[in-house]
Amino acid sequence: MVVSVTSCAGPAGTSPQSRGAARPQHGHVAVPDSLRTFRSPQRVAAVPEPVRVRIPSLGVDSPLERLGRTRAGTVEVPTHWGRAGWYRNGPRPGEPGAAVILGHVDSPTGPAVFAGLAGLRAGAGILVTRMDGSSVAFRVTRLEQRLRSRFPVDAVYWPTLRPELRLVTCGGRYDRARGGYQSNVIVFAVRASRDRVASRP
């Protein structure tokens, strides 16, 4: 099984600001086969699907697209530069496990939904609204920037016993000859003690 992170490249020979109307491209990160067969013996109550993510300290307020996998086995990326997407084959935010939300860092015309993600600090709040109107809040614990070739698959996708959240976007150096951004920015967050976050930083 192969799972991508988020789009870190435009079509060959383009730069972040000169991609025109090109659709987002897919990355490629291998995931251990054991993830495909893992099943927790614990039974938990059903959690509604997420429909929106807010990061008040960054001014992010985005609906969530539902992301699956492509025929090649890579994770789909959001179809709109200004929207984030939730990887629906993983846990839902609020369930035990690491829910994953992906977004673009830039677009052909400027910053995209997760443009400011690299500036997020530990302690910042993230609020996910779900289909039934309920919300679940997360608190950022750390941020990492990793080369795409060394993407921490286990840390992002591996099952956890408590509700956690991962936000992923592109970052680091943009190298046109090598296909785009060479790194990923990954935010790690745990469920907050109360399901609310401040309206502003």
Foldseek 3Di string as FASTA:
>chain_A
DKEFAAAFFAPFPDAQQARPLGWGDTGIGRDDPVLVVDDDPDDDDDDFAWFWKDFQAVRFTATAAEWEADPVGYIDADRDQAHKYWDVVADGFFAQFETEIEHEQGHNHGGGRCVPVVVDDFQGKMWTAGPVGDIWMKTWHDKDKAFSVPPPNCVRGPTGGAGKYKYKYADDDFDSNVGGGGIMMIIIIGTDPDRDHDNHD
